[in-house]
């Protein structure tokens, strides 16, 4: 679905725009994306535990080293 084109000179159709925004946000959280995020977090947790680091909140040096 194409993203809407906005112009500061034309008022947006807020109902249609809100529906498009909702659909776009829902696609950003697809099941595959959520599974990938969960797998990445599990990997980061293992990394931190092996090194005795705090998982959350992670420090910048820990994230950079990961």
PDB file of N, CA and C in Angstrom:
ATOM      1  N   UNK A   1       0.853  -1.165   0.000  1.00  0.00           N
ATOM      2  CA  UNK A   1       0.000   0.000   0.000  1.00  0.00           C
ATOM      3  C   UNK A   1       0.905   1.234   0.000  1.00  0.00           C
ATOM      4  N   UNK A   2       0.681   2.163  -0.929  1.00  0.00           N
ATOM      5  CA  UNK A   2       1.522   3.371  -0.946  1.00  0.00           C
ATOM      6  C   UNK A   2       1.224   4.263   0.243  1.00  0.00           C
ATOM      7  N   UNK A   3       2.256   4.942   0.700  1.00  0.00           N
ATOM      8  CA  UNK A   3       2.080   5.884   1.797  1.00  0.00           C
ATOM      9  C   UNK A   3       1.411   7.147   1.284  1.00  0.00           C
ATOM     10  N   UNK A   4       0.582   7.786   2.105  1.00  0.00           N
ATOM     11  CA  UNK A   4      -0.099   8.994   1.656  1.00  0.00           C
ATOM     12  C   UNK A   4       0.880  10.148   1.469  1.00  0.00           C
ATOM     13  N   UNK A   5       0.531  11.019   0.547  1.00  0.00           N
ATOM     14  CA  UNK A   5       1.329  12.217   0.304  1.00  0.00           C
ATOM     15  C   UNK A   5       0.648  13.370   1.020  1.00  0.00           C
ATOM     16  N   UNK A   6       1.405  14.058   1.860  1.00  0.00           N
ATOM     17  CA  UNK A   6       0.834  15.154   2.638  1.00  0.00           C
ATOM     18  C   UNK A   6       1.307  16.489   2.076  1.00  0.00           C
ATOM     19  N   UNK A   7       0.439  17.448   2.153  1.00  0.00           N
ATOM     20  CA  UNK A   7       0.775  18.806   1.745  1.00  0.00           C
ATOM     21  C   UNK A   7       0.352  19.740   2.862  1.00  0.00           C
ATOM     22  N   UNK A   8       1.206  20.692   3.239  1.00  0.00           N
ATOM     23  CA  UNK A   8       0.814  21.641   4.281  1.00  0.00           C
ATOM     24  C   UNK A   8      -0.308  22.564   3.833  1.00  0.00           C
ATOM     25  N   UNK A   9      -0.601  22.551   2.543  1.00  0.00           N
ATOM     26  CA  UNK A   9      -1.618  23.452   2.006  1.00  0.00           C
ATOM     27  C   UNK A   9      -2.976  22.778   1.870  1.00  0.00           C
ATOM     28  N   UNK A  10      -3.044  21.488   2.108  1.00  0.00           N
ATOM     29  CA  UNK A  10      -4.305  20.764   1.988  1.00  0.00           C
ATOM     30  C   UNK A  10      -4.547  20.001   3.280  1.00  0.00           C
ATOM     31  N   UNK A  11      -5.712  20.163   3.897  1.00  0.00           N
ATOM     32  CA  UNK A  11      -5.982  19.421   5.134  1.00  0.00           C
ATOM     33  C   UNK A  11      -6.092  17.931   4.836  1.00  0.00           C
ATOM     34  N   UNK A  12      -5.500  17.100   5.668  1.00  0.00           N
ATOM     35  CA  UNK A  12      -5.576  15.658   5.430  1.00  0.00           C
ATOM     36  C   UNK A  12      -6.964  15.123   5.758  1.00  0.00           C
ATOM     37  N   UNK A  13      -7.325  14.045   5.109  1.00  0.00           N
ATOM     38  CA  UNK A  13      -8.554  13.318   5.441  1.00  0.00           C
ATOM     39  C   UNK A  13      -8.197  12.469   6.656  1.00  0.00           C
ATOM     40  N   UNK A  14      -8.502  12.975   7.839  1.00  0.00           N
ATOM     41  CA  UNK A  14      -7.989  12.349   9.051  1.00  0.00           C
ATOM     42  C   UNK A  14      -8.460  10.911   9.233  1.00  0.00           C
ATOM     43  N   UNK A  15      -9.662  10.567   8.828  1.00  0.00           N
ATOM     44  CA  UNK A  15     -10.138   9.192   8.990  1.00  0.00           C
ATOM     45  C   UNK A  15      -9.316   8.251   8.121  1.00  0.00           C
ATOM     46  N   UNK A  16      -9.172   8.577   6.861  1.00  0.00           N
ATOM     47  CA  UNK A  16      -8.395   7.724   5.951  1.00  0.00           C
ATOM     48  C   UNK A  16      -6.933   7.689   6.381  1.00  0.00           C
ATOM     49  N   UNK A  17      -6.395   8.837   6.793  1.00  0.00           N
ATOM     50  CA  UNK A  17      -4.998   8.889   7.227  1.00  0.00           C
ATOM     51  C   UNK A  17      -4.776   8.040   8.468  1.00  0.00           C
ATOM     52  N   UNK A  18      -5.704   8.081   9.402  1.00  0.00           N
ATOM     53  CA  UNK A  18      -5.573   7.283  10.617  1.00  0.00           C
ATOM     54  C   UNK A  18      -5.648   5.792  10.288  1.00  0.00           C
ATOM     55  N   UNK A  19      -6.519   5.426   9.360  1.00  0.00           N
ATOM     56  CA  UNK A  19      -6.610   4.017   8.961  1.00  0.00           C
ATOM     57  C   UNK A  19      -5.313   3.564   8.303  1.00  0.00           C
ATOM     58  N   UNK A  20      -4.754   4.396   7.435  1.00  0.00           N
ATOM     59  CA  UNK A  20      -3.483   4.060   6.786  1.00  0.00           C
ATOM     60  C   UNK A  20      -2.369   3.938   7.821  1.00  0.00           C
ATOM     61  N   UNK A  21      -2.337   4.853   8.775  1.00  0.00           N
ATOM     62  CA  UNK A  21      -1.305   4.810   9.810  1.00  0.00           C
ATOM     63  C   UNK A  21      -1.447   3.542  10.646  1.00  0.00           C
ATOM     64  N   UNK A  22      -2.672   3.181  10.977  1.00  0.00           N
ATOM     65  CA  UNK A  22      -2.916   1.961  11.752  1.00  0.00           C
ATOM     66  C   UNK A  22      -2.443   0.736  10.973  1.00  0.00           C
ATOM     67  N   UNK A  23      -2.805   0.661   9.687  1.00  0.00           N
ATOM     68  CA  UNK A  23      -2.397  -0.467   8.853  1.00  0.00           C
ATOM     69  C   UNK A  23      -0.877  -0.547   8.741  1.00  0.00           C
ATOM     70  N   UNK A  24      -0.241   0.599   8.559  1.00  0.00           N
ATOM     71  CA  UNK A  24       1.213   0.645   8.440  1.00  0.00           C
ATOM     72  C   UNK A  24       1.869   0.163   9.736  1.00  0.00           C
ATOM     73  N   UNK A  25       1.356   0.619  10.865  1.00  0.00           N
ATOM     74  CA  UNK A  25       1.909   0.203  12.164  1.00  0.00           C
ATOM     75  C   UNK A  25       1.689  -1.292  12.388  1.00  0.00           C
ATOM     76  N   UNK A  26       0.533  -1.794  11.982  1.00  0.00           N
ATOM     77  CA  UNK A  26       0.252  -3.221  12.156  1.00  0.00           C
ATOM     78  C   UNK A  26       1.213  -4.065  11.329  1.00  0.00           C
ATOM     79  N   UNK A  27       1.552  -3.606  10.132  1.00  0.00           N
ATOM     80  CA  UNK A  27       2.495  -4.343   9.290  1.00  0.00           C
ATOM     81  C   UNK A  27       3.898  -4.340   9.897  1.00  0.00           C
ATOM     82  N   UNK A  28       4.232  -3.310  10.643  1.00  0.00           N
ATOM     83  CA  UNK A  28       5.554  -3.226  11.258  1.00  0.00           C
ATOM     84  C   UNK A  28       5.717  -4.257  12.360  1.00  0.00           C
ATOM     85  N   UNK A  29       4.612  -4.799  12.832  1.00  0.00           N
ATOM     86  CA  UNK A  29       4.660  -5.804  13.895  1.00  0.00           C
ATOM     87  C   UNK A  29       4.165  -7.152  13.369  1.00  0.00           C
ATOM     88  N   UNK A  30       4.629  -7.524  12.195  1.00  0.00           N
ATOM     89  CA  UNK A  30       4.200  -8.798  11.626  1.00  0.00           C
ATOM     90  C   UNK A  30       4.729  -9.950  12.491  1.00  0.00           C
ATOM     91  N   UNK A  31       4.104 -11.095  12.406  1.00  0.00           N
ATOM     92  CA  UNK A  31       4.562 -12.236  13.198  1.00  0.00           C
ATOM     93  C   UNK A  31       6.044 -12.564  12.970  1.00  0.00           C
ATOM     94  N   UNK A  32       6.501 -12.480  11.727  1.00  0.00           N
ATOM     95  CA  UNK A  32       7.909 -12.765  11.456  1.00  0.00           C
ATOM     96  C   UNK A  32       8.824 -11.746  12.116  1.00  0.00           C
ATOM     97  N   UNK A  33       8.425 -10.468  12.106  1.00  0.00           N
ATOM     98  CA  UNK A  33       9.222  -9.425  12.744  1.00  0.00           C
ATOM     99  C   UNK A  33       9.292  -9.672  14.246  1.00  0.00           C
ATOM    100  N   UNK A  34       8.168  -9.981  14.856  1.00  0.00           N
ATOM    101  CA  UNK A  34       8.141 -10.236  16.294  1.00  0.00           C
ATOM    102  C   UNK A  34       8.983 -11.449  16.660  1.00  0.00           C
ATOM    103  N   UNK A  35       8.927 -12.503  15.839  1.00  0.00           N
ATOM    104  CA  UNK A  35       9.761 -13.687  16.099  1.00  0.00           C
ATOM    105  C   UNK A  35      11.241 -13.333  15.986  1.00  0.00           C
ATOM    106  N   UNK A  36      11.580 -12.522  15.006  1.00  0.00           N
ATOM    107  CA  UNK A  36      12.982 -12.115  14.840  1.00  0.00           C
ATOM    108  C   UNK A  36      13.449 -11.284  16.025  1.00  0.00           C
ATOM    109  N   UNK A  37      12.617 -10.336  16.478  1.00  0.00           N
ATOM    110  CA  UNK A  37      12.977  -9.529  17.654  1.00  0.00           C
ATOM    111  C   UNK A  37      13.194 -10.420  18.873  1.00  0.00           C
ATOM    112  N   UNK A  38      12.297 -11.384  19.065  1.00  0.00           N
ATOM    113  CA  UNK A  38      12.403 -12.276  20.226  1.00  0.00           C
ATOM    114  C   UNK A  38      13.684 -13.110  20.143  1.00  0.00           C
ATOM    115  N   UNK A  39      14.002 -13.609  18.966  1.00  0.00           N
ATOM    116  CA  UNK A  39      15.224 -14.401  18.803  1.00  0.00           C
ATOM    117  C   UNK A  39      16.464 -13.537  19.050  1.00  0.00           C
ATOM    118  N   UNK A  40      16.444 -12.313  18.558  1.00  0.00           N
ATOM    119  CA  UNK A  40      17.578 -11.405  18.784  1.00  0.00           C
ATOM    120  C   UNK A  40      17.755 -11.094  20.261  1.00  0.00           C
ATOM    121  N   UNK A  41      16.646 -10.874  20.959  1.00  0.00           N
ATOM    122  CA  UNK A  41      16.738 -10.581  22.387  1.00  0.00           C
ATOM    123  C   UNK A  41      17.270 -11.786  23.161  1.00  0.00           C
ATOM    124  N   UNK A  42      16.803 -12.987  22.807  1.00  0.00           N
ATOM    125  CA  UNK A  42      17.321 -14.192  23.466  1.00  0.00           C
ATOM    126  C   UNK A  42      18.824 -14.325  23.239  1.00  0.00           C
ATOM    127  N   UNK A  43      19.277 -14.038  22.028  1.00  0.00           N
ATOM    128  CA  UNK A  43      20.703 -14.112  21.722  1.00  0.00           C
ATOM    129  C   UNK A  43      21.481 -13.079  22.536  1.00  0.00           C
ATOM    130  N   UNK A  44      20.946 -11.867  22.635  1.00  0.00           N
ATOM    131  CA  UNK A  44      21.601 -10.815  23.419  1.00  0.00           C
ATOM    132  C   UNK A  44      21.635 -11.196  24.899  1.00  0.00           C
ATOM    133  N   UNK A  45      20.541 -11.776  25.407  1.00  0.00           N
ATOM    134  CA  UNK A  45      20.511 -12.219  26.805  1.00  0.00           C
ATOM    135  C   UNK A  45      21.592 -13.263  27.067  1.00  0.00           C
ATOM    136  N   UNK A  46      21.740 -14.239  26.174  1.00  0.00           N
ATOM    137  CA  UNK A  46      22.793 -15.264  26.334  1.00  0.00           C
ATOM    138  C   UNK A  46      24.170 -14.611  26.325  1.00  0.00           C
ATOM    139  N   UNK A  47      24.369 -13.694  25.411  1.00  0.00           N
ATOM    140  CA  UNK A  47      25.643 -12.980  25.323  1.00  0.00           C
ATOM    141  C   UNK A  47      25.961 -12.285  26.649  1.00  0.00           C
ATOM    142  N   UNK A  48      24.968 -11.562  27.185  1.00  0.00           N
ATOM    143  CA  UNK A  48      25.177 -10.828  28.439  1.00  0.00           C
ATOM    144  C   UNK A  48      25.444 -11.770  29.600  1.00  0.00           C
ATOM    145  N   UNK A  49      24.694 -12.842  29.697  1.00  0.00           N
ATOM    146  CA  UNK A  49      24.863 -13.780  30.812  1.00  0.00           C
ATOM    147  C   UNK A  49      26.235 -14.437  30.782  1.00  0.00           C
ATOM    148  N   UNK A  50      26.707 -14.800  29.590  1.00  0.00           N
ATOM    149  CA  UNK A  50      28.039 -15.423  29.486  1.00  0.00           C
ATOM    150  C   UNK A  50      29.132 -14.482  29.963  1.00  0.00           C
ATOM    151  N   UNK A  51      28.887 -13.188  29.832  1.00  0.00           N
ATOM    152  CA  UNK A  51      29.901 -12.205  30.197  1.00  0.00           C
ATOM    153  C   UNK A  51      29.622 -11.508  31.526  1.00  0.00           C
ATOM    154  N   UNK A  52      28.546 -11.893  32.199  1.00  0.00           N
ATOM    155  CA  UNK A  52      28.205 -11.284  33.480  1.00  0.00           C
ATOM    156  C   UNK A  52      27.714  -9.857  33.353  1.00  0.00           C
ATOM    157  N   UNK A  53      27.133  -9.517  32.206  1.00  0.00           N
ATOM    158  CA  UNK A  53      26.620  -8.163  31.969  1.00  0.00           C
ATOM    159  C   UNK A  53      25.129  -8.097  32.281  1.00  0.00           C
ATOM    160  N   UNK A  54      24.665  -6.903  32.589  1.00  0.00           N
ATOM    161  CA  UNK A  54      23.239  -6.674  32.782  1.00  0.00           C
ATOM    162  C   UNK A  54      22.557  -6.600  31.424  1.00  0.00           C
ATOM    163  N   UNK A  55      21.456  -7.342  31.279  1.00  0.00           N
ATOM    164  CA  UNK A  55      20.740  -7.358  30.002  1.00  0.00           C
ATOM    165  C   UNK A  55      20.004  -6.039  29.790  1.00  0.00           C
ATOM    166  N   UNK A  56      19.132  -5.715  30.726  1.00  0.00           N
ATOM    167  CA  UNK A  56      18.361  -4.473  30.610  1.00  0.00           C
ATOM    168  C   UNK A  56      18.387  -3.743  31.940  1.00  0.00           C
ATOM    169  N   UNK A  57      18.720  -2.522  31.987  1.00  0.00           N
ATOM    170  CA  UNK A  57      19.158  -1.713  30.847  1.00  0.00           C
ATOM    171  C   UNK A  57      20.593  -2.052  30.482  1.00  0.00           C
ATOM    172  N   UNK A  58      20.823  -2.217  29.208  1.00  0.00           N
ATOM    173  CA  UNK A  58      22.168  -2.533  28.729  1.00  0.00           C
ATOM    174  C   UNK A  58      22.981  -1.250  28.637  1.00  0.00           C
ATOM    175  N   UNK A  59      24.257  -1.388  28.904  1.00  0.00           N
ATOM    176  CA  UNK A  59      25.138  -0.220  28.784  1.00  0.00           C
ATOM    177  C   UNK A  59      25.564  -0.069  27.324  1.00  0.00           C
ATOM    178  N   UNK A  60      25.956   1.119  26.969  1.00  0.00           N
ATOM    179  CA  UNK A  60      26.424   1.368  25.594  1.00  0.00           C
ATOM    180  C   UNK A  60      27.623   0.493  25.239  1.00  0.00           C
ATOM    181  N   UNK A  61      28.626   0.351  26.131  1.00  0.00           N
ATOM    182  CA  UNK A  61      29.759  -0.514  25.797  1.00  0.00           C
ATOM    183  C   UNK A  61      29.333  -1.974  25.557  1.00  0.00           C
ATOM    184  N   UNK A  62      28.351  -2.469  26.323  1.00  0.00           N
ATOM    185  CA  UNK A  62      27.876  -3.845  26.126  1.00  0.00           C
ATOM    186  C   UNK A  62      27.233  -3.990  24.765  1.00  0.00           C
ATOM    187  N   UNK A  63      26.382  -3.058  24.408  1.00  0.00           N
ATOM    188  CA  UNK A  63      25.706  -3.106  23.113  1.00  0.00           C
ATOM    189  C   UNK A  63      26.733  -2.993  21.986  1.00  0.00           C
ATOM    190  N   UNK A  64      27.697  -2.103  22.133  1.00  0.00           N
ATOM    191  CA  UNK A  64      28.712  -1.916  21.098  1.00  0.00           C
ATOM    192  C   UNK A  64      29.550  -3.182  20.935  1.00  0.00           C
ATOM    193  N   UNK A  65      29.882  -3.839  22.043  1.00  0.00           N
ATOM    194  CA  UNK A  65      30.687  -5.058  21.966  1.00  0.00           C
ATOM    195  C   UNK A  65      29.894  -6.209  21.355  1.00  0.00           C
ATOM    196  N   UNK A  66      28.604  -6.231  21.601  1.00  0.00           N
ATOM    197  CA  UNK A  66      27.746  -7.281  21.065  1.00  0.00           C
ATOM    198  C   UNK A  66      27.704  -7.193  19.553  1.00  0.00           C
TER     199      UNK A  66
END
